[in-house]
Amino acid sequence: MLLKINTHNPQERQIARVVEIIQKGGIIAYPTDTFYGIGCDIMNKKAIEKIYLIKQRKKTKPFSFICPDLKNIAQYAKISNIAYRNMKRLLPGPYTFVLSGSKMVPKIMLTKRKTAGIRVPDNNIALAIARKLDHPMISTSATDPDGKIFDDPSLLHDYFMKSIDVVIDGGSVPGSPSSVVSLIDDIPKIIRYGAGDVEIFE
């Protein structure tokens, strides 16, 4: 199903419809402030395993996930005052922050070092879904196994039609990856330079 949602003012009825699909174990494709992403509820192991199959990705490489705001992140990760201050200046935005995961995060979502990649994207649709779901949502770019990026929702829908329950058409997205910054032990480490200014961590 291809579902058009207004990116500036997402219709509550459409968001509720998407969330209902996620709650039933469904997989969605949705816009972010970087690429279109593929997602599901991080509390649904079967749905997560489906995304591993779709992406043909090894389970040793956990996906990052979206929280609707900083307050929500604190439930799923250990955030020091310094990390909180820095993140508050930059979020919502095109950043993935690597933090120590809390006990709330399912094991399948953590690295061997018990860390997790967390996003609060600057996209109203993604944030509205995560807020309504009341759980974080998986965030992995909508690519085929060869890494081809789908930036057009209708092409994305045609390609993933059999494996994704709903593709949200939220218009065009920037098409550049997030900057990835580790804040483990309050030692900022830039893992990937992408969209977003990371000068404060250099």
N, C-alpha and C. Protein backbone atom coordinates (compact mmCIF):
# COMPACT_ATOMS: atom_id res chain seq x y z
N MET A 1 0.84 -1.20 0.00
CA MET A 1 0.00 0.00 0.00
C MET A 1 0.88 1.25 0.00
N LEU A 2 0.56 2.19 -0.89
CA LEU A 2 1.25 3.48 -0.93
C LEU A 2 0.31 4.52 -0.33
N LEU A 3 0.77 5.18 0.73
CA LEU A 3 -0.10 6.07 1.49
C LEU A 3 0.50 7.48 1.52
N LYS A 4 -0.22 8.45 0.97
CA LYS A 4 0.29 9.83 0.95
C LYS A 4 -0.02 10.51 2.28
N ILE A 5 1.01 11.09 2.90
CA ILE A 5 0.83 11.82 4.16
C ILE A 5 1.51 13.19 4.03
N ASN A 6 0.84 14.22 4.52
CA ASN A 6 1.37 15.58 4.44
C ASN A 6 2.57 15.72 5.38
N THR A 7 3.72 16.04 4.80
CA THR A 7 4.95 16.10 5.61
C THR A 7 4.97 17.29 6.58
N HIS A 8 4.26 18.38 6.22
CA HIS A 8 4.25 19.56 7.09
C HIS A 8 3.25 19.42 8.23
N ASN A 9 2.14 18.76 7.93
CA ASN A 9 1.09 18.61 8.93
C ASN A 9 0.46 17.21 8.78
N PRO A 10 1.15 16.18 9.29
CA PRO A 10 0.67 14.80 9.09
C PRO A 10 -0.75 14.60 9.63
N GLN A 11 -1.62 14.02 8.79
CA GLN A 11 -3.00 13.79 9.18
C GLN A 11 -3.06 12.71 10.27
N GLU A 12 -3.69 13.04 11.39
CA GLU A 12 -3.75 12.11 12.53
C GLU A 12 -4.35 10.77 12.15
N ARG A 13 -5.37 10.80 11.32
CA ARG A 13 -6.04 9.55 10.93
C ARG A 13 -5.09 8.62 10.18
N GLN A 14 -4.26 9.21 9.30
CA GLN A 14 -3.31 8.41 8.53
C GLN A 14 -2.19 7.88 9.43
N ILE A 15 -1.75 8.71 10.37
CA ILE A 15 -0.70 8.27 11.32
C ILE A 15 -1.23 7.10 12.15
N ALA A 16 -2.47 7.22 12.62
CA ALA A 16 -3.09 6.16 13.42
C ALA A 16 -3.18 4.85 12.61
N ARG A 17 -3.47 5.00 11.33
CA ARG A 17 -3.57 3.83 10.45
C ARG A 17 -2.22 3.12 10.32
N VAL A 18 -1.17 3.91 10.15
CA VAL A 18 0.20 3.36 10.04
C VAL A 18 0.60 2.68 11.34
N VAL A 19 0.33 3.33 12.46
CA VAL A 19 0.70 2.78 13.77
C VAL A 19 -0.02 1.46 14.04
N GLU A 20 -1.26 1.39 13.61
CA GLU A 20 -2.02 0.14 13.78
C GLU A 20 -1.34 -1.01 13.02
N ILE A 21 -0.84 -0.71 11.84
CA ILE A 21 -0.12 -1.71 11.04
C ILE A 21 1.16 -2.14 11.76
N ILE A 22 1.89 -1.17 12.31
CA ILE A 22 3.13 -1.48 13.03
C ILE A 22 2.83 -2.34 14.26
N GLN A 23 1.77 -1.99 14.99
CA GLN A 23 1.40 -2.73 16.21
C GLN A 23 1.03 -4.18 15.91
N LYS A 24 0.60 -4.43 14.68
CA LYS A 24 0.25 -5.80 14.28
C LYS A 24 1.47 -6.54 13.71
N GLY A 25 2.65 -5.95 13.86
CA GLY A 25 3.88 -6.59 13.38
C GLY A 25 4.25 -6.21 11.96
N GLY A 26 3.63 -5.15 11.44
CA GLY A 26 3.89 -4.73 10.07
C GLY A 26 5.19 -3.97 9.90
N ILE A 27 5.64 -3.94 8.64
CA ILE A 27 6.86 -3.22 8.26
C ILE A 27 6.43 -2.02 7.42
N ILE A 28 7.04 -0.87 7.67
CA ILE A 28 6.70 0.33 6.91
C ILE A 28 7.95 0.96 6.29
N ALA A 29 7.74 1.77 5.26
CA ALA A 29 8.80 2.63 4.73
C ALA A 29 8.31 4.06 4.92
N TYR A 30 9.18 4.93 5.38
CA TYR A 30 8.76 6.28 5.77
C TYR A 30 9.88 7.29 5.51
N PRO A 31 9.51 8.57 5.35
CA PRO A 31 10.53 9.60 5.10
C PRO A 31 11.23 10.03 6.39
N THR A 32 12.50 10.41 6.26
CA THR A 32 13.23 11.01 7.38
C THR A 32 13.91 12.28 6.86
N ASP A 33 14.80 12.84 7.65
CA ASP A 33 15.52 14.04 7.21
C ASP A 33 16.82 13.67 6.48
N THR A 34 16.99 12.37 6.18
CA THR A 34 18.16 11.92 5.40
C THR A 34 17.65 11.15 4.18
N PHE A 35 17.30 9.86 4.39
CA PHE A 35 16.74 9.01 3.33
C PHE A 35 15.34 8.55 3.73
N TYR A 36 14.71 7.81 2.83
CA TYR A 36 13.54 7.03 3.24
C TYR A 36 14.06 5.87 4.07
N GLY A 37 13.33 5.55 5.13
CA GLY A 37 13.75 4.48 6.02
C GLY A 37 12.77 3.32 6.01
N ILE A 38 13.25 2.17 6.47
CA ILE A 38 12.39 1.00 6.67
C ILE A 38 12.31 0.80 8.17
N GLY A 39 11.10 0.55 8.69
CA GLY A 39 10.98 0.47 10.14
C GLY A 39 9.89 -0.46 10.63
N CYS A 40 9.97 -0.73 11.95
CA CYS A 40 8.97 -1.50 12.67
C CYS A 40 9.14 -1.17 14.15
N ASP A 41 8.32 -1.73 14.98
CA ASP A 41 8.39 -1.53 16.43
C ASP A 41 9.64 -2.27 16.98
N ILE A 42 10.49 -1.59 17.75
CA ILE A 42 11.70 -2.28 18.25
C ILE A 42 11.36 -3.36 19.28
N MET A 43 10.11 -3.40 19.73
CA MET A 43 9.72 -4.44 20.69
C MET A 43 9.18 -5.70 20.00
N ASN A 44 9.16 -5.68 18.67
CA ASN A 44 8.62 -6.83 17.94
C ASN A 44 9.76 -7.57 17.24
N LYS A 45 10.23 -8.65 17.88
CA LYS A 45 11.39 -9.39 17.37
C LYS A 45 11.15 -9.98 15.99
N LYS A 46 9.94 -10.51 15.76
CA LYS A 46 9.64 -11.12 14.45
C LYS A 46 9.72 -10.08 13.34
N ALA A 47 9.19 -8.89 13.62
CA ALA A 47 9.23 -7.82 12.62
C ALA A 47 10.68 -7.39 12.35
N ILE A 48 11.49 -7.31 13.40
CA ILE A 48 12.91 -6.95 13.24
C ILE A 48 13.61 -7.99 12.37
N GLU A 49 13.32 -9.26 12.63
CA GLU A 49 13.94 -10.34 11.84
C GLU A 49 13.54 -10.25 10.36
N LYS A 50 12.30 -9.81 10.11
CA LYS A 50 11.85 -9.61 8.73
C LYS A 50 12.69 -8.53 8.05
N ILE A 51 12.99 -7.45 8.79
CA ILE A 51 13.79 -6.37 8.21
C ILE A 51 15.22 -6.85 7.92
N TYR A 52 15.76 -7.71 8.80
CA TYR A 52 17.09 -8.29 8.52
C TYR A 52 17.05 -9.06 7.19
N LEU A 53 15.97 -9.78 6.94
CA LEU A 53 15.83 -10.54 5.69
C LEU A 53 15.70 -9.60 4.49
N ILE A 54 14.87 -8.55 4.65
CA ILE A 54 14.68 -7.58 3.57
C ILE A 54 16.01 -6.93 3.19
N LYS A 55 16.78 -6.56 4.21
CA LYS A 55 18.06 -5.87 3.98
C LYS A 55 19.21 -6.83 3.70
N GLN A 56 18.96 -8.14 3.90
CA GLN A 56 20.02 -9.16 3.78
C GLN A 56 21.25 -8.76 4.60
N ARG A 57 20.96 -8.46 5.86
CA ARG A 57 21.99 -7.94 6.77
C ARG A 57 22.25 -8.94 7.88
N LYS A 58 23.50 -9.03 8.30
CA LYS A 58 23.87 -9.95 9.40
C LYS A 58 23.32 -9.42 10.72
N LYS A 59 22.88 -10.34 11.58
CA LYS A 59 22.31 -9.93 12.86
C LYS A 59 23.35 -9.38 13.84
N THR A 60 24.60 -9.48 13.47
CA THR A 60 25.67 -8.90 14.30
C THR A 60 25.75 -7.38 14.11
N LYS A 61 24.99 -6.88 13.13
CA LYS A 61 24.97 -5.42 12.87
C LYS A 61 23.58 -4.88 13.22
N PRO A 62 23.37 -4.44 14.45
CA PRO A 62 22.05 -3.95 14.85
C PRO A 62 21.66 -2.68 14.09
N PHE A 63 20.36 -2.48 13.99
CA PHE A 63 19.83 -1.26 13.37
C PHE A 63 19.78 -0.15 14.41
N SER A 64 19.81 1.10 13.93
CA SER A 64 19.54 2.20 14.85
C SER A 64 18.03 2.36 14.98
N PHE A 65 17.60 3.23 15.89
CA PHE A 65 16.16 3.43 16.04
C PHE A 65 15.82 4.87 16.34
N ILE A 66 14.55 5.19 16.07
CA ILE A 66 14.05 6.57 16.20
C ILE A 66 13.27 6.73 17.50
N CYS A 67 13.58 7.79 18.22
CA CYS A 67 12.78 8.21 19.38
C CYS A 67 12.14 9.55 19.01
N PRO A 68 10.95 9.85 19.56
CA PRO A 68 10.31 11.11 19.18
C PRO A 68 10.94 12.35 19.80
N ASP A 69 11.67 12.18 20.92
CA ASP A 69 12.30 13.35 21.55
C ASP A 69 13.39 12.90 22.52
N LEU A 70 14.10 13.88 23.07
CA LEU A 70 15.21 13.60 23.99
C LEU A 70 14.76 12.89 25.26
N LYS A 71 13.60 13.31 25.76
CA LYS A 71 13.06 12.71 26.99
C LYS A 71 12.87 11.20 26.79
N ASN A 72 12.41 10.85 25.61
CA ASN A 72 12.17 9.46 25.26
C ASN A 72 13.49 8.69 25.18
N ILE A 73 14.54 9.35 24.64
CA ILE A 73 15.85 8.70 24.52
C ILE A 73 16.35 8.25 25.90
N ALA A 74 16.12 9.08 26.91
CA ALA A 74 16.60 8.77 28.26
C ALA A 74 16.06 7.45 28.82
N GLN A 75 14.92 6.98 28.28
CA GLN A 75 14.39 5.68 28.70
C GLN A 75 15.19 4.53 28.12
N TYR A 76 15.79 4.77 26.95
CA TYR A 76 16.42 3.68 26.20
C TYR A 76 17.95 3.74 26.17
N ALA A 77 18.52 4.81 26.72
CA ALA A 77 19.98 4.95 26.71
C ALA A 77 20.45 5.72 27.93
N LYS A 78 21.70 5.48 28.26
CA LYS A 78 22.30 6.21 29.39
C LYS A 78 22.87 7.51 28.85
N ILE A 79 22.30 8.61 29.32
CA ILE A 79 22.74 9.93 28.83
C ILE A 79 23.25 10.76 30.00
N SER A 80 24.50 11.20 29.88
CA SER A 80 25.06 12.08 30.90
C SER A 80 24.56 13.50 30.65
N ASN A 81 24.81 14.39 31.59
CA ASN A 81 24.40 15.79 31.43
C ASN A 81 25.09 16.45 30.23
N ILE A 82 26.38 16.10 30.04
CA ILE A 82 27.14 16.68 28.91
C ILE A 82 26.54 16.22 27.58
N ALA A 83 26.29 14.91 27.49
CA ALA A 83 25.71 14.36 26.26
C ALA A 83 24.34 14.98 26.00
N TYR A 84 23.55 15.10 27.04
CA TYR A 84 22.20 15.66 26.92
C TYR A 84 22.26 17.08 26.36
N ARG A 85 23.17 17.89 26.91
CA ARG A 85 23.29 19.29 26.47
C ARG A 85 23.65 19.38 24.99
N ASN A 86 24.62 18.55 24.58
CA ASN A 86 25.04 18.56 23.18
C ASN A 86 23.92 18.10 22.25
N MET A 87 23.23 17.05 22.66
CA MET A 87 22.16 16.51 21.82
C MET A 87 20.99 17.49 21.73
N LYS A 88 20.73 18.19 22.82
CA LYS A 88 19.63 19.15 22.85
C LYS A 88 19.86 20.27 21.83
N ARG A 89 21.12 20.63 21.62
CA ARG A 89 21.46 21.69 20.67
C ARG A 89 21.23 21.24 19.22
N LEU A 90 21.31 19.93 18.98
CA LEU A 90 21.32 19.43 17.60
C LEU A 90 20.05 18.70 17.16
N LEU A 91 19.26 18.28 18.12
CA LEU A 91 18.08 17.47 17.78
C LEU A 91 16.79 18.27 17.88
N PRO A 92 15.77 17.97 17.05
CA PRO A 92 15.80 16.98 15.98
C PRO A 92 16.77 17.40 14.86
N GLY A 93 17.38 16.40 14.23
CA GLY A 93 18.33 16.68 13.16
C GLY A 93 18.92 15.41 12.58
N PRO A 94 19.75 15.55 11.53
CA PRO A 94 20.28 14.39 10.81
C PRO A 94 21.49 13.75 11.48
N TYR A 95 21.29 13.31 12.70
CA TYR A 95 22.38 12.71 13.49
C TYR A 95 21.95 11.35 14.03
N THR A 96 22.92 10.44 14.11
CA THR A 96 22.72 9.18 14.83
C THR A 96 23.72 9.21 15.98
N PHE A 97 23.21 9.14 17.21
CA PHE A 97 24.09 9.15 18.38
C PHE A 97 24.23 7.73 18.93
N VAL A 98 25.47 7.33 19.13
CA VAL A 98 25.75 6.00 19.69
C VAL A 98 25.91 6.16 21.19
N LEU A 99 25.05 5.47 21.93
CA LEU A 99 25.03 5.56 23.39
C LEU A 99 24.93 4.17 24.00
N SER A 100 25.23 4.06 25.29
CA SER A 100 25.04 2.78 25.99
C SER A 100 23.55 2.55 26.15
N GLY A 101 23.08 1.39 25.71
CA GLY A 101 21.66 1.08 25.78
C GLY A 101 21.22 0.74 27.19
N SER A 102 19.96 1.04 27.49
CA SER A 102 19.40 0.69 28.80
C SER A 102 18.76 -0.69 28.73
N LYS A 103 18.26 -1.16 29.86
CA LYS A 103 17.62 -2.49 29.91
C LYS A 103 16.31 -2.53 29.11
N MET A 104 15.80 -1.35 28.74
CA MET A 104 14.56 -1.27 27.96
C MET A 104 14.78 -1.72 26.51
N VAL A 105 16.04 -1.71 26.05
CA VAL A 105 16.33 -2.03 24.65
C VAL A 105 16.48 -3.54 24.47
N PRO A 106 15.70 -4.14 23.56
CA PRO A 106 15.84 -5.57 23.31
C PRO A 106 17.26 -5.93 22.88
N LYS A 107 17.73 -7.12 23.26
CA LYS A 107 19.11 -7.53 22.95
C LYS A 107 19.43 -7.48 21.47
N ILE A 108 18.44 -7.82 20.64
CA ILE A 108 18.65 -7.84 19.18
C ILE A 108 19.02 -6.45 18.64
N MET A 109 18.72 -5.41 19.43
CA MET A 109 18.99 -4.03 18.99
C MET A 109 20.31 -3.48 19.51
N LEU A 110 21.05 -4.29 20.27
CA LEU A 110 22.30 -3.80 20.87
C LEU A 110 23.52 -4.44 20.22
N THR A 111 24.62 -3.70 20.18
CA THR A 111 25.88 -4.26 19.71
C THR A 111 26.47 -5.13 20.84
N LYS A 112 27.58 -5.79 20.54
CA LYS A 112 28.26 -6.60 21.57
C LYS A 112 28.66 -5.74 22.77
N ARG A 113 28.93 -4.47 22.50
CA ARG A 113 29.34 -3.55 23.58
C ARG A 113 28.13 -2.95 24.29
N LYS A 114 26.93 -3.46 23.96
CA LYS A 114 25.67 -2.99 24.58
C LYS A 114 25.38 -1.52 24.26
N THR A 115 25.77 -1.14 23.04
CA THR A 115 25.48 0.23 22.61
C THR A 115 24.36 0.21 21.57
N ALA A 116 23.75 1.38 21.37
CA ALA A 116 22.66 1.51 20.40
C ALA A 116 22.81 2.83 19.66
N GLY A 117 22.39 2.82 18.39
CA GLY A 117 22.37 4.05 17.59
C GLY A 117 20.97 4.64 17.65
N ILE A 118 20.89 5.90 18.06
CA ILE A 118 19.57 6.52 18.29
C ILE A 118 19.43 7.81 17.48
N ARG A 119 18.23 7.98 16.87
CA ARG A 119 17.95 9.16 16.05
C ARG A 119 16.70 9.88 16.53
N VAL A 120 16.71 11.20 16.37
CA VAL A 120 15.49 12.01 16.48
C VAL A 120 15.49 12.87 15.22
N PRO A 121 14.94 12.33 14.11
CA PRO A 121 15.05 13.03 12.83
C PRO A 121 14.15 14.27 12.76
N ASP A 122 14.58 15.21 11.96
CA ASP A 122 13.80 16.42 11.76
C ASP A 122 12.79 16.17 10.63
N ASN A 123 11.84 15.28 10.91
CA ASN A 123 10.79 14.96 9.94
C ASN A 123 9.50 14.71 10.71
N ASN A 124 8.49 15.49 10.40
CA ASN A 124 7.23 15.43 11.16
C ASN A 124 6.54 14.08 11.08
N ILE A 125 6.62 13.42 9.94
CA ILE A 125 5.95 12.13 9.78
C ILE A 125 6.60 11.07 10.66
N ALA A 126 7.93 10.96 10.58
CA ALA A 126 8.65 9.97 11.38
C ALA A 126 8.42 10.19 12.88
N LEU A 127 8.47 11.45 13.30
CA LEU A 127 8.28 11.76 14.73
C LEU A 127 6.85 11.49 15.18
N ALA A 128 5.88 11.81 14.31
CA ALA A 128 4.47 11.57 14.65
C ALA A 128 4.20 10.08 14.83
N ILE A 129 4.80 9.26 13.98
CA ILE A 129 4.61 7.80 14.09
C ILE A 129 5.22 7.29 15.39
N ALA A 130 6.47 7.68 15.67
CA ALA A 130 7.15 7.22 16.89
C ALA A 130 6.40 7.67 18.15
N ARG A 131 5.85 8.89 18.10
CA ARG A 131 5.11 9.43 19.24
C ARG A 131 3.82 8.63 19.48
N LYS A 132 3.10 8.37 18.40
CA LYS A 132 1.83 7.65 18.50
C LYS A 132 2.04 6.18 18.86
N LEU A 133 3.12 5.60 18.34
CA LEU A 133 3.44 4.20 18.63
C LEU A 133 3.79 4.01 20.10
N ASP A 134 4.43 5.04 20.67
CA ASP A 134 4.86 5.02 22.08
C ASP A 134 5.98 4.01 22.32
N HIS A 135 6.64 3.61 21.26
CA HIS A 135 7.86 2.79 21.30
C HIS A 135 8.79 3.37 20.25
N PRO A 136 10.08 3.21 20.40
CA PRO A 136 10.96 3.59 19.30
C PRO A 136 10.70 2.72 18.06
N MET A 137 11.14 3.23 16.93
CA MET A 137 10.94 2.54 15.66
C MET A 137 12.28 2.33 14.97
N ILE A 138 12.46 1.16 14.39
CA ILE A 138 13.69 0.85 13.64
C ILE A 138 13.94 1.91 12.58
N SER A 139 15.22 2.23 12.39
CA SER A 139 15.60 3.18 11.35
C SER A 139 16.76 2.59 10.55
N THR A 140 16.44 2.15 9.33
CA THR A 140 17.49 1.68 8.41
C THR A 140 17.12 2.17 7.02
N SER A 141 18.10 2.61 6.27
CA SER A 141 17.79 3.21 4.97
C SER A 141 17.13 2.21 4.02
N ALA A 142 16.20 2.72 3.21
CA ALA A 142 15.46 1.88 2.26
C ALA A 142 16.33 1.65 1.03
N THR A 143 17.17 0.62 1.13
CA THR A 143 18.06 0.28 0.02
C THR A 143 17.85 -1.18 -0.35
N ASP A 144 18.25 -1.52 -1.57
CA ASP A 144 18.23 -2.93 -1.95
C ASP A 144 19.53 -3.57 -1.44
N PRO A 145 19.70 -4.89 -1.56
CA PRO A 145 20.91 -5.55 -1.03
C PRO A 145 22.22 -5.03 -1.61
N ASP A 146 22.16 -4.41 -2.81
CA ASP A 146 23.39 -3.86 -3.41
C ASP A 146 23.66 -2.43 -2.95
N GLY A 147 22.76 -1.91 -2.11
CA GLY A 147 22.98 -0.56 -1.58
C GLY A 147 22.33 0.55 -2.39
N LYS A 148 21.53 0.17 -3.40
CA LYS A 148 20.84 1.20 -4.20
C LYS A 148 19.79 1.89 -3.33
N ILE A 149 19.83 3.22 -3.30
CA ILE A 149 18.92 4.00 -2.45
C ILE A 149 17.66 4.36 -3.25
N PHE A 150 16.51 4.16 -2.63
CA PHE A 150 15.25 4.54 -3.26
C PHE A 150 14.79 5.87 -2.66
N ASP A 151 14.88 6.95 -3.45
CA ASP A 151 14.45 8.25 -2.93
C ASP A 151 13.08 8.65 -3.45
N ASP A 152 12.52 7.81 -4.33
CA ASP A 152 11.18 8.06 -4.85
C ASP A 152 10.23 7.04 -4.23
N PRO A 153 9.23 7.49 -3.45
CA PRO A 153 8.36 6.54 -2.76
C PRO A 153 7.62 5.57 -3.66
N SER A 154 7.28 6.00 -4.89
CA SER A 154 6.55 5.08 -5.78
C SER A 154 7.48 3.97 -6.29
N LEU A 155 8.74 4.29 -6.56
CA LEU A 155 9.72 3.26 -6.97
C LEU A 155 10.01 2.32 -5.80
N LEU A 156 10.09 2.92 -4.62
CA LEU A 156 10.31 2.15 -3.38
C LEU A 156 9.15 1.15 -3.20
N HIS A 157 7.95 1.64 -3.42
CA HIS A 157 6.76 0.79 -3.28
C HIS A 157 6.78 -0.36 -4.29
N ASP A 158 7.14 -0.04 -5.54
CA ASP A 158 7.18 -1.08 -6.57
C ASP A 158 8.21 -2.16 -6.25
N TYR A 159 9.35 -1.74 -5.70
CA TYR A 159 10.42 -2.70 -5.41
C TYR A 159 10.09 -3.57 -4.18
N PHE A 160 9.57 -2.93 -3.12
CA PHE A 160 9.35 -3.64 -1.85
C PHE A 160 7.90 -4.12 -1.65
N MET A 161 7.10 -4.04 -2.71
CA MET A 161 5.67 -4.31 -2.60
C MET A 161 5.33 -5.58 -1.81
N LYS A 162 6.08 -6.65 -2.02
CA LYS A 162 5.76 -7.94 -1.39
C LYS A 162 6.29 -8.06 0.03
N SER A 163 7.24 -7.20 0.41
CA SER A 163 7.86 -7.37 1.73
C SER A 163 7.55 -6.26 2.73
N ILE A 164 7.00 -5.13 2.25
CA ILE A 164 6.67 -4.00 3.14
C ILE A 164 5.17 -3.75 3.09
N ASP A 165 4.56 -3.59 4.25
CA ASP A 165 3.10 -3.46 4.34
C ASP A 165 2.58 -2.12 3.86
N VAL A 166 3.31 -1.05 4.18
CA VAL A 166 2.88 0.28 3.72
C VAL A 166 4.11 1.15 3.45
N VAL A 167 4.07 1.83 2.32
CA VAL A 167 5.10 2.81 1.97
C VAL A 167 4.44 4.18 2.06
N ILE A 168 5.00 5.04 2.90
CA ILE A 168 4.45 6.39 3.06
C ILE A 168 5.08 7.31 2.02
N ASP A 169 4.22 7.99 1.28
CA ASP A 169 4.70 9.01 0.36
C ASP A 169 4.67 10.33 1.11
N GLY A 170 5.84 10.74 1.57
CA GLY A 170 5.96 12.00 2.29
C GLY A 170 6.76 13.02 1.50
N GLY A 171 6.78 12.85 0.18
CA GLY A 171 7.51 13.79 -0.67
C GLY A 171 8.99 13.49 -0.74
N SER A 172 9.74 14.47 -1.24
CA SER A 172 11.18 14.26 -1.42
C SER A 172 11.92 14.41 -0.09
N VAL A 173 13.07 13.74 0.01
CA VAL A 173 13.92 13.81 1.21
C VAL A 173 15.32 14.25 0.79
N PRO A 174 16.15 14.75 1.74
CA PRO A 174 17.46 15.29 1.36
C PRO A 174 18.38 14.32 0.61
N GLY A 175 18.35 13.02 0.99
CA GLY A 175 19.15 12.04 0.26
C GLY A 175 20.61 11.99 0.64
N SER A 176 20.96 12.43 1.85
CA SER A 176 22.34 12.27 2.33
C SER A 176 22.29 11.60 3.71
N PRO A 177 23.31 10.80 4.05
CA PRO A 177 23.27 10.05 5.31
C PRO A 177 23.43 10.93 6.54
N SER A 178 23.02 10.40 7.68
CA SER A 178 23.18 11.13 8.94
C SER A 178 24.65 11.11 9.37
N SER A 179 25.04 12.11 10.14
CA SER A 179 26.34 12.05 10.81
C SER A 179 26.20 11.11 12.00
N VAL A 180 27.19 10.25 12.20
CA VAL A 180 27.14 9.30 13.32
C VAL A 180 28.19 9.70 14.34
N VAL A 181 27.73 9.95 15.58
CA VAL A 181 28.62 10.42 16.65
C VAL A 181 28.47 9.52 17.87
N SER A 182 29.58 8.97 18.34
CA SER A 182 29.56 8.19 19.58
C SER A 182 29.76 9.14 20.76
N LEU A 183 28.91 8.97 21.79
CA LEU A 183 29.06 9.78 23.01
C LEU A 183 29.31 8.86 24.21
N ILE A 184 29.83 7.68 23.95
CA ILE A 184 30.13 6.72 25.02
C ILE A 184 31.18 7.32 25.96
N ASP A 185 30.93 7.22 27.26
CA ASP A 185 31.85 7.72 28.30
C ASP A 185 32.19 9.20 28.13
N ASP A 186 31.25 9.95 27.52
CA ASP A 186 31.44 11.40 27.32
C ASP A 186 32.68 11.74 26.49
N ILE A 187 33.09 10.78 25.64
CA ILE A 187 34.22 11.07 24.74
C ILE A 187 33.64 11.10 23.32
N PRO A 188 33.35 12.30 22.79
CA PRO A 188 32.75 12.37 21.45
C PRO A 188 33.70 11.81 20.39
N LYS A 189 33.15 10.94 19.56
CA LYS A 189 33.95 10.35 18.48
C LYS A 189 33.08 10.34 17.22
N ILE A 190 33.55 11.02 16.19
CA ILE A 190 32.77 11.07 14.95
C ILE A 190 33.06 9.81 14.15
N ILE A 191 32.02 8.98 13.98
CA ILE A 191 32.16 7.71 13.28
C ILE A 191 31.92 7.90 11.79
N ARG A 192 31.00 8.81 11.46
CA ARG A 192 30.74 9.09 10.04
C ARG A 192 30.36 10.56 9.88
N TYR A 193 31.01 11.21 8.93
CA TYR A 193 30.63 12.59 8.58
C TYR A 193 29.49 12.50 7.56
N GLY A 194 28.37 13.10 7.87
CA GLY A 194 27.22 13.10 6.95
C GLY A 194 26.53 14.44 7.03
N ALA A 195 25.23 14.43 6.84
CA ALA A 195 24.46 15.67 6.97
C ALA A 195 24.54 16.15 8.41
N GLY A 196 24.43 17.44 8.61
CA GLY A 196 24.48 17.97 9.98
C GLY A 196 25.88 18.39 10.36
N ASP A 197 25.99 19.49 11.07
CA ASP A 197 27.28 20.06 11.49
C ASP A 197 27.76 19.34 12.76
N VAL A 198 28.97 18.78 12.71
CA VAL A 198 29.51 18.07 13.88
C VAL A 198 30.69 18.84 14.50
N GLU A 199 30.78 20.13 14.16
CA GLU A 199 31.91 20.95 14.63
C GLU A 199 32.07 20.93 16.15
N ILE A 200 30.95 20.90 16.89
CA ILE A 200 31.06 20.96 18.35
C ILE A 200 31.74 19.72 18.94
N PHE A 201 31.87 18.66 18.14
CA PHE A 201 32.49 17.44 18.65
C PHE A 201 33.95 17.29 18.20
N GLU A 202 34.42 18.25 17.40
CA GLU A 202 35.80 18.10 16.86
C GLU A 202 36.82 18.75 17.77
